[in-house]
Amino acid sequence: MSRSRPPDDTAPTVACPHCDSTDVEVLAPFGGNLMSRQYWCRGCRTVFEWVKWEPADPAEWLDADAREA
């Protein structure tokens, strides 16, 4: 079973990691890999990538990494 959940329309608004602006637009549906999306920030005029899928509980991934080590 997957530890991640697919993105949905009710997901929180994407904010720029550089200036925290929410005035962003999708630049490309895929970034450097299939699980990321490229955005353009109108606030600071910067391109950034956002991960589409996030774990329901980030601690689950940390626990899984510890078990594999």
PDB file of N, CA and C in Angstrom:
ATOM      1  N   MET A   1       0.843  -1.183   0.000  1.00  0.00           N
ATOM      2  CA  MET A   1       0.000   0.000   0.000  1.00  0.00           C
ATOM      3  C   MET A   1       0.884   1.242   0.000  1.00  0.00           C
ATOM      4  N   SER A   2       0.470   2.228  -0.736  1.00  0.00           N
ATOM      5  CA  SER A   2       1.237   3.455  -0.864  1.00  0.00           C
ATOM      6  C   SER A   2       1.190   4.279   0.417  1.00  0.00           C
ATOM      7  N   ARG A   3       2.300   4.894   0.735  1.00  0.00           N
ATOM      8  CA  ARG A   3       2.362   5.760   1.909  1.00  0.00           C
ATOM      9  C   ARG A   3       2.018   7.199   1.558  1.00  0.00           C
ATOM     10  N   SER A   4       1.741   7.463   0.299  1.00  0.00           N
ATOM     11  CA  SER A   4       1.431   8.825  -0.106  1.00  0.00           C
ATOM     12  C   SER A   4       0.001   8.906  -0.601  1.00  0.00           C
ATOM     13  N   ARG A   5      -0.458  10.122  -0.724  1.00  0.00           N
ATOM     14  CA  ARG A   5      -1.816  10.327  -1.218  1.00  0.00           C
ATOM     15  C   ARG A   5      -1.752  11.227  -2.439  1.00  0.00           C
ATOM     16  N   PRO A   6      -2.619  10.995  -3.412  1.00  0.00           N
ATOM     17  CA  PRO A   6      -2.591  11.832  -4.606  1.00  0.00           C
ATOM     18  C   PRO A   6      -3.079  13.241  -4.301  1.00  0.00           C
ATOM     19  N   PRO A   7      -2.643  14.221  -5.088  1.00  0.00           N
ATOM     20  CA  PRO A   7      -3.118  15.582  -4.866  1.00  0.00           C
ATOM     21  C   PRO A   7      -4.599  15.682  -5.202  1.00  0.00           C
ATOM     22  N   ASP A   8      -5.281  16.612  -4.593  1.00  0.00           N
ATOM     23  CA  ASP A   8      -6.684  16.826  -4.902  1.00  0.00           C
ATOM     24  C   ASP A   8      -6.969  18.318  -4.949  1.00  0.00           C
ATOM     25  N   ASP A   9      -8.163  18.662  -5.400  1.00  0.00           N
ATOM     26  CA  ASP A   9      -8.515  20.068  -5.564  1.00  0.00           C
ATOM     27  C   ASP A   9      -8.679  20.801  -4.240  1.00  0.00           C
ATOM     28  N   THR A  10      -8.786  20.072  -3.138  1.00  0.00           N
ATOM     29  CA  THR A  10      -8.949  20.703  -1.835  1.00  0.00           C
ATOM     30  C   THR A  10      -7.598  20.874  -1.120  1.00  0.00           C
ATOM     31  N   ALA A  11      -6.506  20.585  -1.818  1.00  0.00           N
ATOM     32  CA  ALA A  11      -5.178  20.717  -1.225  1.00  0.00           C
ATOM     33  C   ALA A  11      -4.921  22.173  -0.853  1.00  0.00           C
ATOM     34  N   PRO A  12      -4.077  22.409   0.145  1.00  0.00           N
ATOM     35  CA  PRO A  12      -3.785  23.781   0.546  1.00  0.00           C
ATOM     36  C   PRO A  12      -3.151  24.579  -0.597  1.00  0.00           C
ATOM     37  N   THR A  13      -3.289  25.880  -0.540  1.00  0.00           N
ATOM     38  CA  THR A  13      -2.715  26.756  -1.554  1.00  0.00           C
ATOM     39  C   THR A  13      -1.202  26.653  -1.539  1.00  0.00           C
ATOM     40  N   VAL A  14      -0.614  26.608  -2.710  1.00  0.00           N
ATOM     41  CA  VAL A  14       0.841  26.535  -2.830  1.00  0.00           C
ATOM     42  C   VAL A  14       1.419  27.923  -2.603  1.00  0.00           C
ATOM     43  N   ALA A  15       2.437  28.005  -1.764  1.00  0.00           N
ATOM     44  CA  ALA A  15       3.118  29.272  -1.478  1.00  0.00           C
ATOM     45  C   ALA A  15       4.565  29.179  -1.935  1.00  0.00           C
ATOM     46  N   CYS A  16       5.083  30.280  -2.394  1.00  0.00           N
ATOM     47  CA  CYS A  16       6.474  30.346  -2.831  1.00  0.00           C
ATOM     48  C   CYS A  16       7.403  30.111  -1.646  1.00  0.00           C
ATOM     49  N   PRO A  17       8.391  29.216  -1.785  1.00  0.00           N
ATOM     50  CA  PRO A  17       9.324  28.973  -0.684  1.00  0.00           C
ATOM     51  C   PRO A  17      10.321  30.112  -0.467  1.00  0.00           C
ATOM     52  N   HIS A  18      10.410  31.027  -1.420  1.00  0.00           N
ATOM     53  CA  HIS A  18      11.366  32.133  -1.320  1.00  0.00           C
ATOM     54  C   HIS A  18      10.776  33.367  -0.644  1.00  0.00           C
ATOM     55  N   CYS A  19       9.509  33.688  -0.992  1.00  0.00           N
ATOM     56  CA  CYS A  19       8.916  34.920  -0.443  1.00  0.00           C
ATOM     57  C   CYS A  19       7.568  34.682   0.248  1.00  0.00           C
ATOM     58  N   ASP A  20       7.105  33.439   0.291  1.00  0.00           N
ATOM     59  CA  ASP A  20       5.833  33.047   0.927  1.00  0.00           C
ATOM     60  C   ASP A  20       4.597  33.626   0.236  1.00  0.00           C
ATOM     61  N   SER A  21       4.739  34.134  -0.971  1.00  0.00           N
ATOM     62  CA  SER A  21       3.593  34.654  -1.713  1.00  0.00           C
ATOM     63  C   SER A  21       2.735  33.502  -2.217  1.00  0.00           C
ATOM     64  N   THR A  22       1.427  33.688  -2.220  1.00  0.00           N
ATOM     65  CA  THR A  22       0.526  32.693  -2.798  1.00  0.00           C
ATOM     66  C   THR A  22       0.076  33.121  -4.196  1.00  0.00           C
ATOM     67  N   ASP A  23       0.654  34.192  -4.711  1.00  0.00           N
ATOM     68  CA  ASP A  23       0.359  34.656  -6.064  1.00  0.00           C
ATOM     69  C   ASP A  23       1.269  33.895  -7.028  1.00  0.00           C
ATOM     70  N   VAL A  24       0.943  32.612  -7.245  1.00  0.00           N
ATOM     71  CA  VAL A  24       1.758  31.730  -8.081  1.00  0.00           C
ATOM     72  C   VAL A  24       0.892  31.127  -9.174  1.00  0.00           C
ATOM     73  N   GLU A  25       1.540  30.671 -10.238  1.00  0.00           N
ATOM     74  CA  GLU A  25       0.832  29.991 -11.315  1.00  0.00           C
ATOM     75  C   GLU A  25       1.632  28.756 -11.729  1.00  0.00           C
ATOM     76  N   VAL A  26       0.931  27.753 -12.233  1.00  0.00           N
ATOM     77  CA  VAL A  26       1.604  26.539 -12.702  1.00  0.00           C
ATOM     78  C   VAL A  26       2.351  26.880 -13.978  1.00  0.00           C
ATOM     79  N   LEU A  27       3.642  26.617 -13.970  1.00  0.00           N
ATOM     80  CA  LEU A  27       4.482  26.856 -15.139  1.00  0.00           C
ATOM     81  C   LEU A  27       4.543  25.594 -15.992  1.00  0.00           C
ATOM     82  N   ALA A  28       4.651  24.436 -15.337  1.00  0.00           N
ATOM     83  CA  ALA A  28       4.693  23.147 -16.029  1.00  0.00           C
ATOM     84  C   ALA A  28       4.090  22.093 -15.102  1.00  0.00           C
ATOM     85  N   PRO A  29       3.292  21.175 -15.653  1.00  0.00           N
ATOM     86  CA  PRO A  29       2.663  20.164 -14.797  1.00  0.00           C
ATOM     87  C   PRO A  29       3.660  19.185 -14.193  1.00  0.00           C
ATOM     88  N   PHE A  30       4.854  19.089 -14.785  1.00  0.00           N
ATOM     89  CA  PHE A  30       5.876  18.206 -14.248  1.00  0.00           C
ATOM     90  C   PHE A  30       7.184  18.965 -14.137  1.00  0.00           C
ATOM     91  N   GLY A  31       7.896  18.723 -13.047  1.00  0.00           N
ATOM     92  CA  GLY A  31       9.191  19.356 -12.846  1.00  0.00           C
ATOM     93  C   GLY A  31      10.292  18.414 -13.274  1.00  0.00           C
ATOM     94  N   GLY A  32      11.310  18.295 -12.441  1.00  0.00           N
ATOM     95  CA  GLY A  32      12.441  17.423 -12.723  1.00  0.00           C
ATOM     96  C   GLY A  32      12.076  15.955 -12.672  1.00  0.00           C
ATOM     97  N   ASN A  33      10.945  15.636 -12.076  1.00  0.00           N
ATOM     98  CA  ASN A  33      10.442  14.264 -12.031  1.00  0.00           C
ATOM     99  C   ASN A  33       8.916  14.309 -12.015  1.00  0.00           C
ATOM    100  N   LEU A  34       8.289  13.153 -12.104  1.00  0.00           N
ATOM    101  CA  LEU A  34       6.837  13.107 -12.233  1.00  0.00           C
ATOM    102  C   LEU A  34       6.092  13.533 -10.979  1.00  0.00           C
ATOM    103  N   MET A  35       6.737  13.491  -9.826  1.00  0.00           N
ATOM    104  CA  MET A  35       6.013  13.823  -8.597  1.00  0.00           C
ATOM    105  C   MET A  35       6.123  15.291  -8.204  1.00  0.00           C
ATOM    106  N   SER A  36       6.688  16.106  -9.073  1.00  0.00           N
ATOM    107  CA  SER A  36       6.771  17.531  -8.762  1.00  0.00           C
ATOM    108  C   SER A  36       6.128  18.354  -9.872  1.00  0.00           C
ATOM    109  N   ARG A  37       5.777  19.566  -9.545  1.00  0.00           N
ATOM    110  CA  ARG A  37       5.147  20.495 -10.488  1.00  0.00           C
ATOM    111  C   ARG A  37       5.918  21.801 -10.402  1.00  0.00           C
ATOM    112  N   GLN A  38       6.151  22.455 -11.537  1.00  0.00           N
ATOM    113  CA  GLN A  38       6.872  23.726 -11.542  1.00  0.00           C
ATOM    114  C   GLN A  38       5.888  24.886 -11.470  1.00  0.00           C
ATOM    115  N   TYR A  39       6.201  25.827 -10.603  1.00  0.00           N
ATOM    116  CA  TYR A  39       5.385  27.028 -10.423  1.00  0.00           C
ATOM    117  C   TYR A  39       6.215  28.265 -10.694  1.00  0.00           C
ATOM    118  N   TRP A  40       5.538  29.348 -11.074  1.00  0.00           N
ATOM    119  CA  TRP A  40       6.139  30.665 -11.259  1.00  0.00           C
ATOM    120  C   TRP A  40       5.532  31.577 -10.208  1.00  0.00           C
ATOM    121  N   CYS A  41       6.375  32.214  -9.413  1.00  0.00           N
ATOM    122  CA  CYS A  41       5.911  33.150  -8.391  1.00  0.00           C
ATOM    123  C   CYS A  41       5.874  34.540  -9.000  1.00  0.00           C
ATOM    124  N   ARG A  42       4.714  35.149  -8.964  1.00  0.00           N
ATOM    125  CA  ARG A  42       4.587  36.515  -9.484  1.00  0.00           C
ATOM    126  C   ARG A  42       5.156  37.538  -8.510  1.00  0.00           C
ATOM    127  N   GLY A  43       5.249  37.168  -7.232  1.00  0.00           N
ATOM    128  CA  GLY A  43       5.763  38.083  -6.215  1.00  0.00           C
ATOM    129  C   GLY A  43       7.253  38.351  -6.365  1.00  0.00           C
ATOM    130  N   CYS A  44       8.053  37.280  -6.421  1.00  0.00           N
ATOM    131  CA  CYS A  44       9.514  37.459  -6.513  1.00  0.00           C
ATOM    132  C   CYS A  44      10.068  37.017  -7.862  1.00  0.00           C
ATOM    133  N   ARG A  45       9.169  36.630  -8.782  1.00  0.00           N
ATOM    134  CA  ARG A  45       9.544  36.248 -10.145  1.00  0.00           C
ATOM    135  C   ARG A  45      10.560  35.113 -10.155  1.00  0.00           C
ATOM    136  N   THR A  46      10.251  34.071  -9.397  1.00  0.00           N
ATOM    137  CA  THR A  46      11.128  32.921  -9.268  1.00  0.00           C
ATOM    138  C   THR A  46      10.370  31.648  -9.645  1.00  0.00           C
ATOM    139  N   VAL A  47      11.063  30.709 -10.289  1.00  0.00           N
ATOM    140  CA  VAL A  47      10.504  29.398 -10.582  1.00  0.00           C
ATOM    141  C   VAL A  47      10.867  28.474  -9.423  1.00  0.00           C
ATOM    142  N   PHE A  48       9.907  27.668  -8.984  1.00  0.00           N
ATOM    143  CA  PHE A  48      10.186  26.685  -7.937  1.00  0.00           C
ATOM    144  C   PHE A  48       9.377  25.427  -8.194  1.00  0.00           C
ATOM    145  N   GLU A  49       9.803  24.325  -7.591  1.00  0.00           N
ATOM    146  CA  GLU A  49       9.101  23.061  -7.729  1.00  0.00           C
ATOM    147  C   GLU A  49       8.363  22.732  -6.442  1.00  0.00           C
ATOM    148  N   TRP A  50       7.214  22.109  -6.589  1.00  0.00           N
ATOM    149  CA  TRP A  50       6.378  21.713  -5.464  1.00  0.00           C
ATOM    150  C   TRP A  50       6.074  20.236  -5.619  1.00  0.00           C
ATOM    151  N   VAL A  51       6.245  19.470  -4.558  1.00  0.00           N
ATOM    152  CA  VAL A  51       5.978  18.037  -4.590  1.00  0.00           C
ATOM    153  C   VAL A  51       4.470  17.823  -4.559  1.00  0.00           C
ATOM    154  N   LYS A  52       3.955  17.058  -5.516  1.00  0.00           N
ATOM    155  CA  LYS A  52       2.514  16.831  -5.631  1.00  0.00           C
ATOM    156  C   LYS A  52       1.978  15.938  -4.530  1.00  0.00           C
ATOM    157  N   TRP A  53       2.745  14.924  -4.166  1.00  0.00           N
ATOM    158  CA  TRP A  53       2.269  13.968  -3.169  1.00  0.00           C
ATOM    159  C   TRP A  53       3.056  14.127  -1.883  1.00  0.00           C
ATOM    160  N   GLU A  54       2.336  14.175  -0.792  1.00  0.00           N
ATOM    161  CA  GLU A  54       2.954  14.284   0.522  1.00  0.00           C
ATOM    162  C   GLU A  54       2.418  13.153   1.393  1.00  0.00           C
ATOM    163  N   PRO A  55       3.202  12.679   2.336  1.00  0.00           N
ATOM    164  CA  PRO A  55       2.697  11.622   3.215  1.00  0.00           C
ATOM    165  C   PRO A  55       1.572  12.154   4.095  1.00  0.00           C
ATOM    166  N   ALA A  56       0.621  11.303   4.413  1.00  0.00           N
ATOM    167  CA  ALA A  56      -0.456  11.705   5.313  1.00  0.00           C
ATOM    168  C   ALA A  56       0.129  12.094   6.664  1.00  0.00           C
ATOM    169  N   ASP A  57       1.169  11.379   7.081  1.00  0.00           N
ATOM    170  CA  ASP A  57       1.865  11.674   8.328  1.00  0.00           C
ATOM    171  C   ASP A  57       3.362  11.595   8.043  1.00  0.00           C
ATOM    172  N   PRO A  58       4.076  12.729   7.978  1.00  0.00           N
ATOM    173  CA  PRO A  58       5.505  12.706   7.640  1.00  0.00           C
ATOM    174  C   PRO A  58       6.326  11.798   8.546  1.00  0.00           C
ATOM    175  N   ALA A  59       5.893  11.581   9.763  1.00  0.00           N
ATOM    176  CA  ALA A  59       6.623  10.702  10.677  1.00  0.00           C
ATOM    177  C   ALA A  59       6.665   9.275  10.148  1.00  0.00           C
ATOM    178  N   GLU A  60       5.660   8.880   9.354  1.00  0.00           N
ATOM    179  CA  GLU A  60       5.648   7.529   8.790  1.00  0.00           C
ATOM    180  C   GLU A  60       6.865   7.307   7.903  1.00  0.00           C
ATOM    181  N   TRP A  61       7.251   8.300   7.096  1.00  0.00           N
ATOM    182  CA  TRP A  61       8.407   8.144   6.231  1.00  0.00           C
ATOM    183  C   TRP A  61       9.681   8.077   7.054  1.00  0.00           C
ATOM    184  N   LEU A  62       9.772   8.887   8.091  1.00  0.00           N
ATOM    185  CA  LEU A  62      10.965   8.864   8.935  1.00  0.00           C
ATOM    186  C   LEU A  62      11.097   7.514   9.625  1.00  0.00           C
ATOM    187  N   ASP A  63       9.986   6.966  10.092  1.00  0.00           N
ATOM    188  CA  ASP A  63      10.017   5.655  10.737  1.00  0.00           C
ATOM    189  C   ASP A  63      10.417   4.571   9.744  1.00  0.00           C
ATOM    190  N   ALA A  64       9.931   4.638   8.519  1.00  0.00           N
ATOM    191  CA  ALA A  64      10.258   3.658   7.489  1.00  0.00           C
ATOM    192  C   ALA A  64      11.745   3.711   7.158  1.00  0.00           C
ATOM    193  N   ASP A  65      12.327   4.916   7.087  1.00  0.00           N
ATOM    194  CA  ASP A  65      13.752   5.049   6.812  1.00  0.00           C
ATOM    195  C   ASP A  65      14.584   4.439   7.934  1.00  0.00           C
ATOM    196  N   ALA A  66      14.154   4.618   9.165  1.00  0.00           N
ATOM    197  CA  ALA A  66      14.892   4.073  10.312  1.00  0.00           C
ATOM    198  C   ALA A  66      14.844   2.541  10.292  1.00  0.00           C
ATOM    199  N   ARG A  67      13.709   1.962   9.891  1.00  0.00           N
ATOM    200  CA  ARG A  67      13.580   0.500   9.859  1.00  0.00           C
ATOM    201  C   ARG A  67      14.460  -0.099   8.786  1.00  0.00           C
ATOM    202  N   GLU A  68      14.669   0.608   7.668  1.00  0.00           N
ATOM    203  CA  GLU A  68      15.470   0.085   6.569  1.00  0.00           C
ATOM    204  C   GLU A  68      16.962   0.125   6.885  1.00  0.00           C
ATOM    205  N   ALA A  69      17.368   1.004   7.763  1.00  0.00           N
ATOM    206  CA  ALA A  69      18.807   1.176   8.075  1.00  0.00           C
ATOM    207  C   ALA A  69      19.343   0.063   8.946  1.00  0.00           C
TER     208      ALA A  69
END
